[in-house]
Amino acid sequence: MWILFTLMAAFMQAWRNAFQSRLSRDVKIAGVTLARFLYASPLAALYLGLLYLWQPAPWPQLWGLGGLYILGAALMQILATALMVKLFKLKNFAVGAGLAKSEALVAAILGTFIFGTHLSLLGWIGVFIGALAVFLLSVGDSWRSMSWSTVLLGIACGSGLALTSLWVREASLVLGLPFPHRAAWVLLLVILTQTLLLLLWLWLTDRNTLQALWQRPKLTIATSVSSFMGSLGWFSAMSLTAVPYVKTLGQVEVFFMMFISYFWLREKVRVKDIGGLLLIAIAAILVLWR
């Protein structure tokens, strides 16, 4: 089941990143980040309500460690999303989103040493092949033209996404609810926290950005809906199995990104970029053979 949720998440995240990349041409980074969450909260609430109608379950205990994990995940995902939008401005869509995929390696390392995650040998091989692919995507037309600022930004973005994922999994485990209710509660609370924080920040500091989003309803709604579907897949998969496996398999997203980048955004993908994307695909396949 976690494989199906991951594939759904990868497909929807590729579209969400494409919508964010297009939106970033006209809207500031904070606004593009808000577009990811703005209309997702009502969808998450509706999904949770339907789950309780289908199968009643206890209410979660939101205080204590679970609440801290949820707050940390919400804040870290805001930061990681802002860094990803910055990546889109530095490089093209496919490469920018590919650099953010360093999260699989970071999640494996942090998960092993901090959260007690266990990976098989094939799992580790897949994770490191994915890291090599990220490095390949980070270089320019030649190895000498490699941009270290882009590499560091990609690693920072991937690290933020990795911490988000690890805290989401820990939150779902400590809530004490059955699946899929625990994933749905974490999804709603994380998205709602992010929406309220960003709305308040922009209302106080930059109302022009809110106006810019209001003037682009179709793109904003598309970003939010695809983000909700992607997060639903990620949160559900991560409540079922270890984060590094989910994130490494989720790198099949790069195939969706490649087609979207070429056919919808009309951006060129270099031969070297394709090589990096194929390595990521190999890494994703290895985790299925663990």
C-alpha atoms as a PDB file:
ATOM      1  CA  MET A   1       0.000   0.000   0.000  1.00  0.00           C
ATOM      2  CA  TRP A   2       2.863   2.390   0.772  1.00  0.00           C
ATOM      3  CA  ILE A   3       4.133   1.940  -2.802  1.00  0.00           C
ATOM      4  CA  LEU A   4       0.802   3.065  -4.270  1.00  0.00           C
ATOM      5  CA  PHE A   5       0.635   6.078  -1.950  1.00  0.00           C
ATOM      6  CA  THR A   6       4.228   7.015  -2.861  1.00  0.00           C
ATOM      7  CA  LEU A   7       3.606   6.813  -6.610  1.00  0.00           C
ATOM      8  CA  MET A   8       0.516   8.988  -6.256  1.00  0.00           C
ATOM      9  CA  ALA A   9       2.492  11.478  -4.189  1.00  0.00           C
ATOM     10  CA  ALA A  10       5.345  11.608  -6.698  1.00  0.00           C
ATOM     11  CA  PHE A  11       2.976  12.229  -9.602  1.00  0.00           C
ATOM     12  CA  MET A  12       1.050  14.996  -7.819  1.00  0.00           C
ATOM     13  CA  GLN A  13       4.224  16.613  -6.433  1.00  0.00           C
ATOM     14  CA  ALA A  14       5.669  16.864  -9.935  1.00  0.00           C
ATOM     15  CA  TRP A  15       2.622  18.874 -10.983  1.00  0.00           C
ATOM     16  CA  ARG A  16       2.678  20.942  -7.801  1.00  0.00           C
ATOM     17  CA  ASN A  17       6.310  21.865  -8.443  1.00  0.00           C
ATOM     18  CA  ALA A  18       5.446  22.781 -12.024  1.00  0.00           C
ATOM     19  CA  PHE A  19       2.615  25.051 -10.894  1.00  0.00           C
ATOM     20  CA  GLN A  20       4.891  26.639  -8.294  1.00  0.00           C
ATOM     21  CA  SER A  21       7.596  27.164 -10.875  1.00  0.00           C
ATOM     22  CA  ARG A  22       5.135  28.960 -13.170  1.00  0.00           C
ATOM     23  CA  LEU A  23       3.700  30.985 -10.274  1.00  0.00           C
ATOM     24  CA  SER A  24       7.174  32.035  -9.119  1.00  0.00           C
ATOM     25  CA  ARG A  25       7.603  34.081 -12.313  1.00  0.00           C
ATOM     26  CA  ASP A  26       5.063  36.638 -11.070  1.00  0.00           C
ATOM     27  CA  VAL A  27       4.716  36.116  -7.300  1.00  0.00           C
ATOM     28  CA  LYS A  28       7.247  36.473  -4.496  1.00  0.00           C
ATOM     29  CA  ILE A  29       8.690  33.420  -2.746  1.00  0.00           C
ATOM     30  CA  ALA A  30       6.467  33.769   0.345  1.00  0.00           C
ATOM     31  CA  GLY A  31       3.362  33.952  -1.829  1.00  0.00           C
ATOM     32  CA  VAL A  32       4.315  30.898  -3.870  1.00  0.00           C
ATOM     33  CA  THR A  33       4.948  29.046  -0.611  1.00  0.00           C
ATOM     34  CA  LEU A  34       1.502  30.039   0.698  1.00  0.00           C
ATOM     35  CA  ALA A  35      -0.139  28.862  -2.528  1.00  0.00           C
ATOM     36  CA  ARG A  36       0.973  25.357  -1.633  1.00  0.00           C
ATOM     37  CA  PHE A  37      -1.160  25.357   1.533  1.00  0.00           C
ATOM     38  CA  LEU A  38      -3.876  27.979   1.008  1.00  0.00           C
ATOM     39  CA  TYR A  39      -6.738  25.817  -0.277  1.00  0.00           C
ATOM     40  CA  ALA A  40      -5.360  22.509   0.994  1.00  0.00           C
ATOM     41  CA  SER A  41      -6.655  22.901   4.575  1.00  0.00           C
ATOM     42  CA  PRO A  42     -10.388  22.553   3.676  1.00  0.00           C
ATOM     43  CA  LEU A  43      -9.576  19.493   1.562  1.00  0.00           C
ATOM     44  CA  ALA A  44      -7.624  17.935   4.433  1.00  0.00           C
ATOM     45  CA  ALA A  45     -10.508  18.629   6.845  1.00  0.00           C
ATOM     46  CA  LEU A  46     -13.005  17.076   4.417  1.00  0.00           C
ATOM     47  CA  TYR A  47     -10.813  14.001   3.997  1.00  0.00           C
ATOM     48  CA  LEU A  48     -10.507  13.553   7.773  1.00  0.00           C
ATOM     49  CA  GLY A  49     -14.256  13.964   8.245  1.00  0.00           C
ATOM     50  CA  LEU A  50     -15.004  11.338   5.594  1.00  0.00           C
ATOM     51  CA  LEU A  51     -12.611   8.936   7.300  1.00  0.00           C
ATOM     52  CA  TYR A  52     -14.493   9.267  10.606  1.00  0.00           C
ATOM     53  CA  LEU A  53     -17.811   8.728   8.829  1.00  0.00           C
ATOM     54  CA  TRP A  54     -16.431   5.629   7.149  1.00  0.00           C
ATOM     55  CA  GLN A  55     -14.690   4.204  10.234  1.00  0.00           C
ATOM     56  CA  PRO A  56     -15.023   5.882  13.662  1.00  0.00           C
ATOM     57  CA  ALA A  57     -11.811   6.182  15.680  1.00  0.00           C
ATOM     58  CA  PRO A  58     -10.664   7.865  18.925  1.00  0.00           C
ATOM     59  CA  TRP A  59      -9.552  11.483  18.970  1.00  0.00           C
ATOM     60  CA  PRO A  60      -5.794  12.023  19.127  1.00  0.00           C
ATOM     61  CA  GLN A  61      -3.824  13.456  22.022  1.00  0.00           C
ATOM     62  CA  LEU A  62      -2.375  16.584  20.444  1.00  0.00           C
ATOM     63  CA  TRP A  63      -0.368  17.850  23.398  1.00  0.00           C
ATOM     64  CA  GLY A  64       3.134  16.717  24.267  1.00  0.00           C
ATOM     65  CA  LEU A  65       5.630  15.213  21.849  1.00  0.00           C
ATOM     66  CA  GLY A  66       3.146  14.726  19.008  1.00  0.00           C
ATOM     67  CA  GLY A  67       2.258  18.412  18.974  1.00  0.00           C
ATOM     68  CA  LEU A  68       5.936  19.400  18.935  1.00  0.00           C
ATOM     69  CA  TYR A  69       6.630  17.104  15.980  1.00  0.00           C
ATOM     70  CA  ILE A  70       3.679  18.593  14.082  1.00  0.00           C
ATOM     71  CA  LEU A  71       4.785  22.180  14.754  1.00  0.00           C
ATOM     72  CA  GLY A  72       8.372  21.397  13.792  1.00  0.00           C
ATOM     73  CA  ALA A  73       7.278  19.692  10.566  1.00  0.00           C
ATOM     74  CA  ALA A  74       5.033  22.629   9.652  1.00  0.00           C
ATOM     75  CA  LEU A  75       7.773  25.225  10.146  1.00  0.00           C
ATOM     76  CA  MET A  76      10.464  23.168   8.434  1.00  0.00           C
ATOM     77  CA  GLN A  77       8.287  22.510   5.374  1.00  0.00           C
ATOM     78  CA  ILE A  78       7.644  26.238   4.987  1.00  0.00           C
ATOM     79  CA  LEU A  79      11.395  26.861   4.981  1.00  0.00           C
ATOM     80  CA  ALA A  80      12.098  23.971   2.596  1.00  0.00           C
ATOM     81  CA  THR A  81       9.390  25.116   0.180  1.00  0.00           C
ATOM     82  CA  ALA A  82      10.805  28.643   0.135  1.00  0.00           C
ATOM     83  CA  LEU A  83      14.266  27.237  -0.632  1.00  0.00           C
ATOM     84  CA  MET A  84      12.824  25.122  -3.447  1.00  0.00           C
ATOM     85  CA  VAL A  85      11.186  28.166  -5.026  1.00  0.00           C
ATOM     86  CA  LYS A  86      14.573  29.876  -4.810  1.00  0.00           C
ATOM     87  CA  LEU A  87      16.073  26.887  -6.643  1.00  0.00           C
ATOM     88  CA  PHE A  88      13.519  27.323  -9.422  1.00  0.00           C
ATOM     89  CA  LYS A  89      14.769  30.877  -9.892  1.00  0.00           C
ATOM     90  CA  LEU A  90      18.405  29.757 -10.142  1.00  0.00           C
ATOM     91  CA  LYS A  91      17.994  26.787 -12.500  1.00  0.00           C
ATOM     92  CA  ASN A  92      15.233  25.297 -14.607  1.00  0.00           C
ATOM     93  CA  PHE A  93      12.288  23.397 -13.158  1.00  0.00           C
ATOM     94  CA  ALA A  94      13.515  19.824 -13.634  1.00  0.00           C
ATOM     95  CA  VAL A  95      16.990  20.516 -12.267  1.00  0.00           C
ATOM     96  CA  GLY A  96      15.729  22.607  -9.351  1.00  0.00           C
ATOM     97  CA  ALA A  97      13.284  19.940  -8.229  1.00  0.00           C
ATOM     98  CA  GLY A  98      15.926  17.268  -8.792  1.00  0.00           C
ATOM     99  CA  LEU A  99      18.370  19.014  -6.461  1.00  0.00           C
ATOM    100  CA  ALA A 100      15.760  18.991  -3.717  1.00  0.00           C
ATOM    101  CA  LYS A 101      15.811  15.187  -3.956  1.00  0.00           C
ATOM    102  CA  SER A 102      18.913  15.149  -1.755  1.00  0.00           C
ATOM    103  CA  GLU A 103      16.298  14.677   0.987  1.00  0.00           C
ATOM    104  CA  ALA A 104      16.426  10.882   0.566  1.00  0.00           C
ATOM    105  CA  LEU A 105      20.103  10.706   1.577  1.00  0.00           C
ATOM    106  CA  VAL A 106      19.666  13.165   4.443  1.00  0.00           C
ATOM    107  CA  ALA A 107      16.581  11.281   5.665  1.00  0.00           C
ATOM    108  CA  ALA A 108      18.533   8.016   5.634  1.00  0.00           C
ATOM    109  CA  ILE A 109      21.417   9.468   7.642  1.00  0.00           C
ATOM    110  CA  LEU A 110      19.304  11.371  10.177  1.00  0.00           C
ATOM    111  CA  GLY A 111      16.786   8.553  10.412  1.00  0.00           C
ATOM    112  CA  THR A 112      19.512   6.030  11.202  1.00  0.00           C
ATOM    113  CA  PHE A 113      21.441   8.046  13.774  1.00  0.00           C
ATOM    114  CA  ILE A 114      18.604   9.978  15.451  1.00  0.00           C
ATOM    115  CA  PHE A 115      15.324   8.115  14.916  1.00  0.00           C
ATOM    116  CA  GLY A 116      16.572   4.518  14.858  1.00  0.00           C
ATOM    117  CA  THR A 117      15.564   3.766  11.258  1.00  0.00           C
ATOM    118  CA  HIS A 118      16.996   0.542   9.838  1.00  0.00           C
ATOM    119  CA  LEU A 119      17.884   0.262   6.133  1.00  0.00           C
ATOM    120  CA  SER A 120      18.946  -2.834   4.219  1.00  0.00           C
ATOM    121  CA  LEU A 121      22.141  -2.954   2.147  1.00  0.00           C
ATOM    122  CA  LEU A 122      20.205  -2.511  -1.104  1.00  0.00           C
ATOM    123  CA  GLY A 123      18.349   0.376   0.502  1.00  0.00           C
ATOM    124  CA  TRP A 124      21.616   2.163   1.314  1.00  0.00           C
ATOM    125  CA  ILE A 125      22.974   1.505  -2.191  1.00  0.00           C
ATOM    126  CA  GLY A 126      19.832   3.026  -3.661  1.00  0.00           C
ATOM    127  CA  VAL A 127      20.096   6.073  -1.413  1.00  0.00           C
ATOM    128  CA  PHE A 128      23.741   6.717  -2.382  1.00  0.00           C
ATOM    129  CA  ILE A 129      23.032   6.293  -6.093  1.00  0.00           C
ATOM    130  CA  GLY A 130      20.334   8.901  -5.644  1.00  0.00           C
ATOM    131  CA  ALA A 131      22.867  11.204  -3.993  1.00  0.00           C
ATOM    132  CA  LEU A 132      25.233  10.749  -6.941  1.00  0.00           C
ATOM    133  CA  ALA A 133      22.404  11.688  -9.262  1.00  0.00           C
ATOM    134  CA  VAL A 134      21.778  14.868  -7.269  1.00  0.00           C
ATOM    135  CA  PHE A 135      25.450  15.784  -7.673  1.00  0.00           C
ATOM    136  CA  LEU A 136      25.216  15.184 -11.428  1.00  0.00           C
ATOM    137  CA  LEU A 137      22.189  17.442 -11.637  1.00  0.00           C
ATOM    138  CA  SER A 138      24.069  20.166  -9.757  1.00  0.00           C
ATOM    139  CA  VAL A 139      26.784  20.743 -12.346  1.00  0.00           C
ATOM    140  CA  GLY A 140      26.510  23.061 -15.306  1.00  0.00           C
ATOM    141  CA  ASP A 141      27.656  22.444 -18.855  1.00  0.00           C
ATOM    142  CA  SER A 142      30.996  21.219 -17.503  1.00  0.00           C
ATOM    143  CA  TRP A 143      32.325  19.979 -14.178  1.00  0.00           C
ATOM    144  CA  ARG A 144      34.391  23.148 -13.765  1.00  0.00           C
ATOM    145  CA  SER A 145      31.301  25.323 -13.994  1.00  0.00           C
ATOM    146  CA  MET A 146      29.639  23.634 -11.022  1.00  0.00           C
ATOM    147  CA  SER A 147      27.813  26.154  -8.856  1.00  0.00           C
ATOM    148  CA  TRP A 148      28.512  25.483  -5.198  1.00  0.00           C
ATOM    149  CA  SER A 149      25.854  27.980  -4.167  1.00  0.00           C
ATOM    150  CA  THR A 150      23.264  25.939  -6.069  1.00  0.00           C
ATOM    151  CA  VAL A 151      24.582  22.692  -4.553  1.00  0.00           C
ATOM    152  CA  LEU A 152      24.396  24.088  -1.013  1.00  0.00           C
ATOM    153  CA  LEU A 153      20.932  25.503  -1.625  1.00  0.00           C
ATOM    154  CA  GLY A 154      19.789  22.121  -2.929  1.00  0.00           C
ATOM    155  CA  ILE A 155      21.241  20.315   0.097  1.00  0.00           C
ATOM    156  CA  ALA A 156      19.626  22.829   2.464  1.00  0.00           C
ATOM    157  CA  CYS A 157      16.278  22.335   0.744  1.00  0.00           C
ATOM    158  CA  GLY A 158      16.621  18.561   0.814  1.00  0.00           C
ATOM    159  CA  SER A 159      17.618  18.629   4.486  1.00  0.00           C
ATOM    160  CA  GLY A 160      14.546  20.678   5.353  1.00  0.00           C
ATOM    161  CA  LEU A 161      12.299  18.270   3.469  1.00  0.00           C
ATOM    162  CA  ALA A 162      13.992  15.300   5.141  1.00  0.00           C
ATOM    163  CA  LEU A 163      13.434  16.695   8.642  1.00  0.00           C
ATOM    164  CA  THR A 164       9.828  17.462   7.723  1.00  0.00           C
ATOM    165  CA  SER A 165       9.266  13.882   6.631  1.00  0.00           C
ATOM    166  CA  LEU A 166      10.953  12.368   9.685  1.00  0.00           C
ATOM    167  CA  TRP A 167       8.943  14.538  12.075  1.00  0.00           C
ATOM    168  CA  VAL A 168       5.726  13.738  10.193  1.00  0.00           C
ATOM    169  CA  ARG A 169       6.377  10.020  10.627  1.00  0.00           C
ATOM    170  CA  GLU A 170       7.215  10.410  14.316  1.00  0.00           C
ATOM    171  CA  ALA A 171       4.061  12.472  14.852  1.00  0.00           C
ATOM    172  CA  SER A 172       1.889   9.818  13.208  1.00  0.00           C
ATOM    173  CA  LEU A 173       3.448   7.118  15.381  1.00  0.00           C
ATOM    174  CA  VAL A 174       2.904   8.889  18.729  1.00  0.00           C
ATOM    175  CA  LEU A 175      -0.729   9.928  18.118  1.00  0.00           C
ATOM    176  CA  GLY A 176      -1.896   6.422  18.986  1.00  0.00           C
ATOM    177  CA  LEU A 177      -4.477   6.146  16.187  1.00  0.00           C
ATOM    178  CA  PRO A 178      -5.052   3.481  13.521  1.00  0.00           C
ATOM    179  CA  PHE A 179      -4.134   3.991   9.876  1.00  0.00           C
ATOM    180  CA  PRO A 180      -5.227   6.045   7.947  1.00  0.00           C
ATOM    181  CA  HIS A 181      -6.640   8.300  10.686  1.00  0.00           C
ATOM    182  CA  ARG A 182      -3.238   9.113  12.179  1.00  0.00           C
ATOM    183  CA  ALA A 183      -1.873  10.230   8.796  1.00  0.00           C
ATOM    184  CA  ALA A 184      -4.994  12.321   8.143  1.00  0.00           C
ATOM    185  CA  TRP A 185      -4.726  14.133  11.489  1.00  0.00           C
ATOM    186  CA  VAL A 186      -1.062  14.977  10.942  1.00  0.00           C
ATOM    187  CA  LEU A 187      -1.845  16.132   7.396  1.00  0.00           C
ATOM    188  CA  LEU A 188      -4.605  18.484   8.548  1.00  0.00           C
ATOM    189  CA  LEU A 189      -2.712  19.941  11.501  1.00  0.00           C
ATOM    190  CA  VAL A 190       0.504  20.521   9.568  1.00  0.00           C
ATOM    191  CA  ILE A 191      -1.257  22.201   6.620  1.00  0.00           C
ATOM    192  CA  LEU A 192      -3.532  24.285   8.871  1.00  0.00           C
ATOM    193  CA  THR A 193      -0.568  25.530  10.932  1.00  0.00           C
ATOM    194  CA  GLN A 194       1.335  26.466   7.787  1.00  0.00           C
ATOM    195  CA  THR A 195      -1.637  28.267   6.263  1.00  0.00           C
ATOM    196  CA  LEU A 196      -2.374  30.363   9.355  1.00  0.00           C
ATOM    197  CA  LEU A 197       1.257  31.305   9.934  1.00  0.00           C
ATOM    198  CA  LEU A 198       1.891  32.383   6.335  1.00  0.00           C
ATOM    199  CA  LEU A 199      -1.414  34.236   6.043  1.00  0.00           C
ATOM    200  CA  LEU A 200      -0.694  36.179   9.217  1.00  0.00           C
ATOM    201  CA  TRP A 201       2.868  36.970   8.136  1.00  0.00           C
ATOM    202  CA  LEU A 202       1.877  38.227   4.693  1.00  0.00           C
ATOM    203  CA  TRP A 203      -1.124  40.158   6.040  1.00  0.00           C
ATOM    204  CA  LEU A 204       1.176  42.033   8.402  1.00  0.00           C
ATOM    205  CA  THR A 205       4.166  42.521   6.105  1.00  0.00           C
ATOM    206  CA  ASP A 206       3.250  42.168   2.403  1.00  0.00           C
ATOM    207  CA  ARG A 207      -0.414  42.399   1.421  1.00  0.00           C
ATOM    208  CA  ASN A 208       0.569  42.989  -2.208  1.00  0.00           C
ATOM    209  CA  THR A 209       1.683  39.359  -2.389  1.00  0.00           C
ATOM    210  CA  LEU A 210      -1.732  38.222  -1.154  1.00  0.00           C
ATOM    211  CA  GLN A 211      -3.287  40.379  -3.853  1.00  0.00           C
ATOM    212  CA  ALA A 212      -1.018  38.795  -6.459  1.00  0.00           C
ATOM    213  CA  LEU A 213      -2.273  35.339  -5.457  1.00  0.00           C
ATOM    214  CA  TRP A 214      -5.886  36.543  -5.539  1.00  0.00           C
ATOM    215  CA  GLN A 215      -5.346  37.737  -9.107  1.00  0.00           C
ATOM    216  CA  ARG A 216      -4.130  34.273 -10.185  1.00  0.00           C
ATOM    217  CA  PRO A 217      -6.875  31.982  -8.828  1.00  0.00           C
ATOM    218  CA  LYS A 218      -6.515  29.111 -11.293  1.00  0.00           C
ATOM    219  CA  LEU A 219      -2.777  28.666 -10.758  1.00  0.00           C
ATOM    220  CA  THR A 220      -3.097  29.135  -6.987  1.00  0.00           C
ATOM    221  CA  ILE A 221      -5.900  26.569  -6.693  1.00  0.00           C
ATOM    222  CA  ALA A 222      -4.026  24.124  -8.922  1.00  0.00           C
ATOM    223  CA  THR A 223      -0.964  24.456  -6.685  1.00  0.00           C
ATOM    224  CA  SER A 224      -2.995  23.874  -3.505  1.00  0.00           C
ATOM    225  CA  VAL A 225      -4.982  20.900  -4.833  1.00  0.00           C
ATOM    226  CA  SER A 226      -1.952  19.112  -6.252  1.00  0.00           C
ATOM    227  CA  SER A 227      -0.058  19.855  -3.027  1.00  0.00           C
ATOM    228  CA  PHE A 228      -2.856  18.352  -0.932  1.00  0.00           C
ATOM    229  CA  MET A 229      -2.951  15.190  -3.039  1.00  0.00           C
ATOM    230  CA  GLY A 230       0.820  14.887  -2.895  1.00  0.00           C
ATOM    231  CA  SER A 231       0.955  15.426   0.863  1.00  0.00           C
ATOM    232  CA  LEU A 232      -1.853  12.914   1.358  1.00  0.00           C
ATOM    233  CA  GLY A 233       0.253  10.339  -0.459  1.00  0.00           C
ATOM    234  CA  TRP A 234       3.490  11.192   1.360  1.00  0.00           C
ATOM    235  CA  PHE A 235       1.972  11.332   4.843  1.00  0.00           C
ATOM    236  CA  SER A 236       0.101   8.061   4.338  1.00  0.00           C
ATOM    237  CA  ALA A 237       3.145   6.241   2.964  1.00  0.00           C
ATOM    238  CA  MET A 238       5.423   7.542   5.717  1.00  0.00           C
ATOM    239  CA  SER A 239       3.032   6.342   8.396  1.00  0.00           C
ATOM    240  CA  LEU A 240       3.352   2.821   6.939  1.00  0.00           C
ATOM    241  CA  THR A 241       7.109   2.436   6.345  1.00  0.00           C
ATOM    242  CA  ALA A 242      10.497   4.115   6.874  1.00  0.00           C
ATOM    243  CA  VAL A 243      10.972   7.599   5.391  1.00  0.00           C
ATOM    244  CA  PRO A 244      14.165   6.837   3.364  1.00  0.00           C
ATOM    245  CA  TYR A 245      12.375   4.066   1.462  1.00  0.00           C
ATOM    246  CA  VAL A 246       9.423   6.329   0.698  1.00  0.00           C
ATOM    247  CA  LYS A 247      11.602   9.220  -0.429  1.00  0.00           C
ATOM    248  CA  THR A 248      13.936   7.080  -2.526  1.00  0.00           C
ATOM    249  CA  LEU A 249      11.065   5.369  -4.333  1.00  0.00           C
ATOM    250  CA  GLY A 250       9.428   8.784  -4.657  1.00  0.00           C
ATOM    251  CA  GLN A 251      12.300   9.861  -6.854  1.00  0.00           C
ATOM    252  CA  VAL A 252      10.409   8.341  -9.792  1.00  0.00           C
ATOM    253  CA  GLU A 253       8.879  11.802  -9.697  1.00  0.00           C
ATOM    254  CA  VAL A 254      11.784  12.905 -11.874  1.00  0.00           C
ATOM    255  CA  PHE A 255      10.278  11.158 -14.893  1.00  0.00           C
ATOM    256  CA  PHE A 256       7.079  13.105 -14.439  1.00  0.00           C
ATOM    257  CA  MET A 257       9.135  16.281 -13.984  1.00  0.00           C
ATOM    258  CA  MET A 258      11.082  15.644 -17.165  1.00  0.00           C
ATOM    259  CA  PHE A 259       7.930  15.366 -19.269  1.00  0.00           C
ATOM    260  CA  ILE A 260       6.256  18.342 -17.589  1.00  0.00           C
ATOM    261  CA  SER A 261       9.383  20.459 -17.978  1.00  0.00           C
ATOM    262  CA  TYR A 262       9.710  19.687 -21.668  1.00  0.00           C
ATOM    263  CA  PHE A 263       6.102  19.599 -22.844  1.00  0.00           C
ATOM    264  CA  TRP A 264       4.342  22.099 -20.526  1.00  0.00           C
ATOM    265  CA  LEU A 265       7.002  24.560 -19.324  1.00  0.00           C
ATOM    266  CA  ARG A 266       8.943  24.355 -22.613  1.00  0.00           C
ATOM    267  CA  GLU A 267      12.289  24.093 -20.848  1.00  0.00           C
ATOM    268  CA  LYS A 268      15.226  22.204 -22.294  1.00  0.00           C
ATOM    269  CA  VAL A 269      16.638  19.191 -20.453  1.00  0.00           C
ATOM    270  CA  ARG A 270      20.310  18.490 -21.134  1.00  0.00           C
ATOM    271  CA  VAL A 271      21.732  15.024 -21.776  1.00  0.00           C
ATOM    272  CA  LYS A 272      23.640  15.255 -18.482  1.00  0.00           C
ATOM    273  CA  ASP A 273      20.403  16.085 -16.668  1.00  0.00           C
ATOM    274  CA  ILE A 274      18.737  13.020 -18.197  1.00  0.00           C
ATOM    275  CA  GLY A 275      21.628  10.883 -16.952  1.00  0.00           C
ATOM    276  CA  GLY A 276      21.126  12.169 -13.432  1.00  0.00           C
ATOM    277  CA  LEU A 277      17.400  11.546 -13.609  1.00  0.00           C
ATOM    278  CA  LEU A 278      17.963   7.971 -14.800  1.00  0.00           C
ATOM    279  CA  LEU A 279      20.313   7.329 -11.864  1.00  0.00           C
ATOM    280  CA  ILE A 280      17.590   8.530  -9.535  1.00  0.00           C
ATOM    281  CA  ALA A 281      15.205   6.055 -11.157  1.00  0.00           C
ATOM    282  CA  ILE A 282      17.700   3.218 -10.580  1.00  0.00           C
ATOM    283  CA  ALA A 283      17.964   4.238  -6.937  1.00  0.00           C
ATOM    284  CA  ALA A 284      14.188   4.103  -6.621  1.00  0.00           C
ATOM    285  CA  ILE A 285      14.059   0.614  -8.123  1.00  0.00           C
ATOM    286  CA  LEU A 286      16.682  -0.709  -5.690  1.00  0.00           C
ATOM    287  CA  VAL A 287      14.559   0.073  -2.651  1.00  0.00           C
ATOM    288  CA  LEU A 288      11.856  -2.229  -4.031  1.00  0.00           C
ATOM    289  CA  TRP A 289      14.323  -5.125  -4.069  1.00  0.00           C
ATOM    290  CA  ARG A 290      15.454  -4.664  -0.457  1.00  0.00           C
END
